[in-house]
Structures are given as C-alpha cells and as structure tokens.
Amino acid sequence: MNCGNNCEALLRRVYETSFAVDDVVLYLDTHPADQDALNYYCYVSDLRRQAVEAYEAQCGPLLNDRVTCDNYWQWVCDPWPWEGECG
C-alpha cells in the first residue's frame, strides 16, 4: 500500500466531503423540500463517494465493510488513517 502525503491528502478530501454531506443533511432535516439543498446533497454525496474510492484505491480500505477478498484484512496491517505516518 502507498502511504504518506498522497494518502493524507486523499483522507483530507474524504473528511472535507463528509463534512459537507453532514452539514447539508442537518439543513435538510429542517428544510426537506428545499430542492437546491437536495441537489447539493446529491452533488456532495457523489464527491464523497469518489473521495472514498480514490483513498481506498491507493491506501486500502477505509471502513471495515469495504474489505473484499482482494484486500482481506490488509487494513489492520497498515497504519490507521489517523496515525498520519507510515510505520
């Protein structure tokens, strides 16, 4: 697995897009009929999906439900995302 600055940048993108999704979800809780907000939700949800896929393609599974036969339990051998540096 590749780690270092690229994985850190990819993880930062996951965090940023996740924040945007969480933020618009909170707004939609009180404004469920706001079509602009719904459109924005779809947009940032797709950006988050792309960010997670990019991270996982280069750095390994981010969540335990993303482990496959190809990367079986490999995520426990690499540094955790919040550790920042490669062992």
N, C-alpha and C. Protein backbone atom coordinates (compact mmCIF):
# COMPACT_ATOMS: atom_id res chain seq x y z
N MET A 1 0.83 -1.19 0.00
CA MET A 1 0.00 0.00 0.00
C MET A 1 0.87 1.25 0.00
N ASN A 2 0.42 2.22 -0.70
CA ASN A 2 1.10 3.52 -0.73
C ASN A 2 0.64 4.33 0.47
N CYS A 3 1.57 4.99 1.11
CA CYS A 3 1.15 5.87 2.20
C CYS A 3 1.98 7.13 2.14
N GLY A 4 1.74 8.01 3.05
CA GLY A 4 2.47 9.27 3.05
C GLY A 4 1.57 10.41 2.65
N ASN A 5 2.19 11.38 1.98
CA ASN A 5 1.48 12.62 1.66
C ASN A 5 0.25 12.41 0.80
N ASN A 6 0.31 11.51 -0.17
CA ASN A 6 -0.83 11.30 -1.05
C ASN A 6 -2.02 10.74 -0.27
N CYS A 7 -1.78 9.77 0.59
CA CYS A 7 -2.87 9.21 1.39
C CYS A 7 -3.41 10.25 2.36
N GLU A 8 -2.54 11.07 2.90
CA GLU A 8 -3.00 12.13 3.78
C GLU A 8 -3.90 13.11 3.04
N ALA A 9 -3.51 13.47 1.81
CA ALA A 9 -4.32 14.40 1.01
C ALA A 9 -5.65 13.76 0.63
N LEU A 10 -5.63 12.48 0.29
CA LEU A 10 -6.87 11.79 -0.07
C LEU A 10 -7.79 11.67 1.14
N LEU A 11 -7.22 11.38 2.30
CA LEU A 11 -8.04 11.29 3.51
C LEU A 11 -8.62 12.65 3.88
N ARG A 12 -7.85 13.70 3.69
CA ARG A 12 -8.36 15.05 3.95
C ARG A 12 -9.57 15.32 3.05
N ARG A 13 -9.51 14.88 1.81
CA ARG A 13 -10.64 15.06 0.89
C ARG A 13 -11.87 14.29 1.37
N VAL A 14 -11.65 13.10 1.89
CA VAL A 14 -12.76 12.33 2.47
C VAL A 14 -13.38 13.10 3.63
N TYR A 15 -12.53 13.64 4.51
CA TYR A 15 -13.04 14.42 5.64
C TYR A 15 -13.83 15.64 5.18
N GLU A 16 -13.30 16.36 4.20
CA GLU A 16 -13.97 17.58 3.72
C GLU A 16 -15.32 17.27 3.10
N THR A 17 -15.36 16.26 2.26
CA THR A 17 -16.63 15.94 1.60
C THR A 17 -17.62 15.34 2.60
N SER A 18 -17.12 14.59 3.58
CA SER A 18 -18.00 14.05 4.62
C SER A 18 -18.62 15.18 5.44
N PHE A 19 -17.83 16.20 5.74
CA PHE A 19 -18.35 17.35 6.47
C PHE A 19 -19.46 18.03 5.66
N ALA A 20 -19.24 18.20 4.36
CA ALA A 20 -20.24 18.84 3.52
C ALA A 20 -21.53 18.03 3.50
N VAL A 21 -21.42 16.70 3.42
CA VAL A 21 -22.60 15.84 3.44
C VAL A 21 -23.33 15.99 4.78
N ASP A 22 -22.58 15.90 5.88
CA ASP A 22 -23.20 16.03 7.21
C ASP A 22 -23.90 17.38 7.38
N ASP A 23 -23.25 18.42 6.89
CA ASP A 23 -23.79 19.77 7.02
C ASP A 23 -25.11 19.92 6.28
N VAL A 24 -25.15 19.46 5.04
CA VAL A 24 -26.39 19.61 4.26
C VAL A 24 -27.48 18.69 4.79
N VAL A 25 -27.11 17.54 5.35
CA VAL A 25 -28.12 16.65 5.96
C VAL A 25 -28.78 17.34 7.14
N LEU A 26 -28.00 18.03 7.96
CA LEU A 26 -28.58 18.77 9.08
C LEU A 26 -29.57 19.83 8.59
N TYR A 27 -29.20 20.53 7.53
CA TYR A 27 -30.10 21.53 6.95
C TYR A 27 -31.37 20.87 6.42
N LEU A 28 -31.21 19.75 5.73
CA LEU A 28 -32.36 19.07 5.14
C LEU A 28 -33.30 18.50 6.21
N ASP A 29 -32.78 18.25 7.41
CA ASP A 29 -33.65 17.79 8.49
C ASP A 29 -34.76 18.80 8.78
N THR A 30 -34.47 20.08 8.60
CA THR A 30 -35.46 21.11 8.88
C THR A 30 -36.03 21.76 7.62
N HIS A 31 -35.44 21.46 6.47
CA HIS A 31 -35.90 22.03 5.20
C HIS A 31 -35.96 20.93 4.12
N PRO A 32 -36.76 19.89 4.34
CA PRO A 32 -36.72 18.72 3.45
C PRO A 32 -37.21 18.99 2.02
N ALA A 33 -37.90 20.07 1.81
CA ALA A 33 -38.42 20.36 0.47
C ALA A 33 -37.54 21.33 -0.31
N ASP A 34 -36.41 21.72 0.24
CA ASP A 34 -35.51 22.67 -0.43
C ASP A 34 -34.78 21.95 -1.57
N GLN A 35 -35.24 22.19 -2.79
CA GLN A 35 -34.69 21.47 -3.94
C GLN A 35 -33.22 21.79 -4.18
N ASP A 36 -32.81 23.02 -3.95
CA ASP A 36 -31.40 23.36 -4.10
C ASP A 36 -30.54 22.57 -3.12
N ALA A 37 -31.01 22.44 -1.90
CA ALA A 37 -30.27 21.67 -0.89
C ALA A 37 -30.24 20.19 -1.25
N LEU A 38 -31.34 19.67 -1.78
CA LEU A 38 -31.36 18.28 -2.21
C LEU A 38 -30.38 18.04 -3.36
N ASN A 39 -30.34 18.99 -4.29
CA ASN A 39 -29.38 18.89 -5.40
C ASN A 39 -27.95 18.93 -4.88
N TYR A 40 -27.70 19.82 -3.92
CA TYR A 40 -26.36 19.93 -3.33
C TYR A 40 -26.00 18.63 -2.60
N TYR A 41 -26.96 18.05 -1.89
CA TYR A 41 -26.74 16.78 -1.21
C TYR A 41 -26.29 15.71 -2.21
N CYS A 42 -27.00 15.61 -3.32
CA CYS A 42 -26.62 14.62 -4.34
C CYS A 42 -25.22 14.88 -4.87
N TYR A 43 -24.90 16.14 -5.07
CA TYR A 43 -23.58 16.53 -5.58
C TYR A 43 -22.47 16.16 -4.59
N VAL A 44 -22.61 16.57 -3.33
CA VAL A 44 -21.54 16.29 -2.37
C VAL A 44 -21.49 14.82 -1.97
N SER A 45 -22.61 14.13 -2.02
CA SER A 45 -22.60 12.69 -1.76
C SER A 45 -21.77 11.96 -2.82
N ASP A 46 -21.92 12.40 -4.07
CA ASP A 46 -21.14 11.81 -5.14
C ASP A 46 -19.65 12.15 -4.99
N LEU A 47 -19.35 13.39 -4.60
CA LEU A 47 -17.95 13.76 -4.35
C LEU A 47 -17.36 12.92 -3.23
N ARG A 48 -18.13 12.68 -2.18
CA ARG A 48 -17.64 11.86 -1.08
C ARG A 48 -17.39 10.43 -1.53
N ARG A 49 -18.31 9.88 -2.30
CA ARG A 49 -18.13 8.52 -2.82
C ARG A 49 -16.84 8.43 -3.63
N GLN A 50 -16.62 9.43 -4.49
CA GLN A 50 -15.40 9.45 -5.30
C GLN A 50 -14.15 9.57 -4.43
N ALA A 51 -14.23 10.38 -3.38
CA ALA A 51 -13.09 10.57 -2.48
C ALA A 51 -12.76 9.26 -1.74
N VAL A 52 -13.78 8.57 -1.27
CA VAL A 52 -13.56 7.30 -0.58
C VAL A 52 -12.97 6.28 -1.55
N GLU A 53 -13.50 6.22 -2.76
CA GLU A 53 -12.97 5.28 -3.75
C GLU A 53 -11.52 5.59 -4.09
N ALA A 54 -11.18 6.86 -4.24
CA ALA A 54 -9.80 7.24 -4.55
C ALA A 54 -8.87 6.87 -3.39
N TYR A 55 -9.32 7.14 -2.17
CA TYR A 55 -8.50 6.78 -1.00
C TYR A 55 -8.27 5.28 -0.96
N GLU A 56 -9.34 4.51 -1.11
CA GLU A 56 -9.23 3.06 -1.00
C GLU A 56 -8.42 2.45 -2.12
N ALA A 57 -8.46 3.05 -3.30
CA ALA A 57 -7.68 2.53 -4.42
C ALA A 57 -6.18 2.67 -4.16
N GLN A 58 -5.77 3.72 -3.47
CA GLN A 58 -4.35 3.96 -3.23
C GLN A 58 -3.88 3.54 -1.85
N CYS A 59 -4.77 3.60 -0.86
CA CYS A 59 -4.32 3.47 0.52
C CYS A 59 -4.92 2.30 1.26
N GLY A 60 -5.88 1.62 0.67
CA GLY A 60 -6.52 0.48 1.31
C GLY A 60 -7.89 0.84 1.84
N PRO A 61 -8.60 -0.17 2.33
CA PRO A 61 -9.97 0.04 2.82
C PRO A 61 -10.02 1.07 3.94
N LEU A 62 -11.02 1.91 3.87
CA LEU A 62 -11.21 2.94 4.89
C LEU A 62 -12.15 2.47 5.99
N LEU A 63 -13.11 1.66 5.62
CA LEU A 63 -14.11 1.14 6.57
C LEU A 63 -14.12 -0.38 6.50
N ASN A 64 -14.47 -1.02 7.59
CA ASN A 64 -14.43 -2.48 7.61
C ASN A 64 -15.42 -3.13 6.65
N ASP A 65 -16.48 -2.43 6.29
CA ASP A 65 -17.44 -3.01 5.35
C ASP A 65 -16.96 -2.92 3.90
N ARG A 66 -15.78 -2.33 3.69
CA ARG A 66 -15.22 -2.21 2.35
C ARG A 66 -14.12 -3.24 2.10
N VAL A 67 -13.88 -4.15 3.05
CA VAL A 67 -12.89 -5.20 2.89
C VAL A 67 -13.45 -6.22 1.91
N THR A 68 -12.62 -6.63 0.95
CA THR A 68 -13.01 -7.62 -0.05
C THR A 68 -12.05 -8.79 -0.01
N CYS A 69 -12.30 -9.78 -0.84
CA CYS A 69 -11.39 -10.92 -0.92
C CYS A 69 -10.01 -10.49 -1.41
N ASP A 70 -9.95 -9.42 -2.19
CA ASP A 70 -8.66 -8.94 -2.71
C ASP A 70 -7.83 -8.20 -1.67
N ASN A 71 -8.46 -7.58 -0.70
CA ASN A 71 -7.72 -6.82 0.31
C ASN A 71 -8.01 -7.33 1.71
N TYR A 72 -8.30 -8.61 1.82
CA TYR A 72 -8.71 -9.27 3.05
C TYR A 72 -7.84 -8.90 4.24
N TRP A 73 -8.40 -8.22 5.15
CA TRP A 73 -7.84 -7.81 6.43
C TRP A 73 -6.50 -7.10 6.33
N GLN A 74 -6.21 -6.62 5.17
CA GLN A 74 -4.98 -5.86 4.92
C GLN A 74 -4.99 -4.55 5.70
N TRP A 75 -6.16 -4.01 5.94
CA TRP A 75 -6.29 -2.72 6.61
C TRP A 75 -5.77 -2.75 8.04
N VAL A 76 -5.68 -3.91 8.68
CA VAL A 76 -5.16 -3.95 10.04
C VAL A 76 -3.64 -3.94 10.08
N CYS A 77 -3.00 -4.18 8.94
CA CYS A 77 -1.53 -4.24 8.87
C CYS A 77 -0.92 -2.87 8.58
N ASP A 78 -1.66 -2.01 7.93
CA ASP A 78 -1.17 -0.68 7.59
C ASP A 78 -1.45 0.28 8.74
N PRO A 79 -0.79 1.44 8.74
CA PRO A 79 -1.12 2.45 9.76
C PRO A 79 -2.59 2.86 9.63
N TRP A 80 -3.22 3.14 10.75
CA TRP A 80 -4.59 3.63 10.73
C TRP A 80 -4.62 5.02 10.12
N PRO A 81 -5.72 5.42 9.49
CA PRO A 81 -5.76 6.73 8.82
C PRO A 81 -5.37 7.90 9.72
N TRP A 82 -5.72 7.85 10.99
CA TRP A 82 -5.43 8.96 11.89
C TRP A 82 -3.99 8.94 12.40
N GLU A 83 -3.24 7.87 12.12
CA GLU A 83 -1.85 7.82 12.57
C GLU A 83 -0.94 8.72 11.74
N GLY A 84 -1.35 9.00 10.51
CA GLY A 84 -0.67 10.00 9.70
C GLY A 84 0.58 9.55 9.00
N GLU A 85 1.46 8.85 9.66
CA GLU A 85 2.72 8.48 9.03
C GLU A 85 2.81 6.98 8.86
N CYS A 86 3.61 6.58 7.91
CA CYS A 86 3.83 5.15 7.67
C CYS A 86 4.77 4.61 8.75
N GLY A 87 4.47 3.41 9.19
CA GLY A 87 5.27 2.77 10.23
C GLY A 87 6.63 2.57 9.79
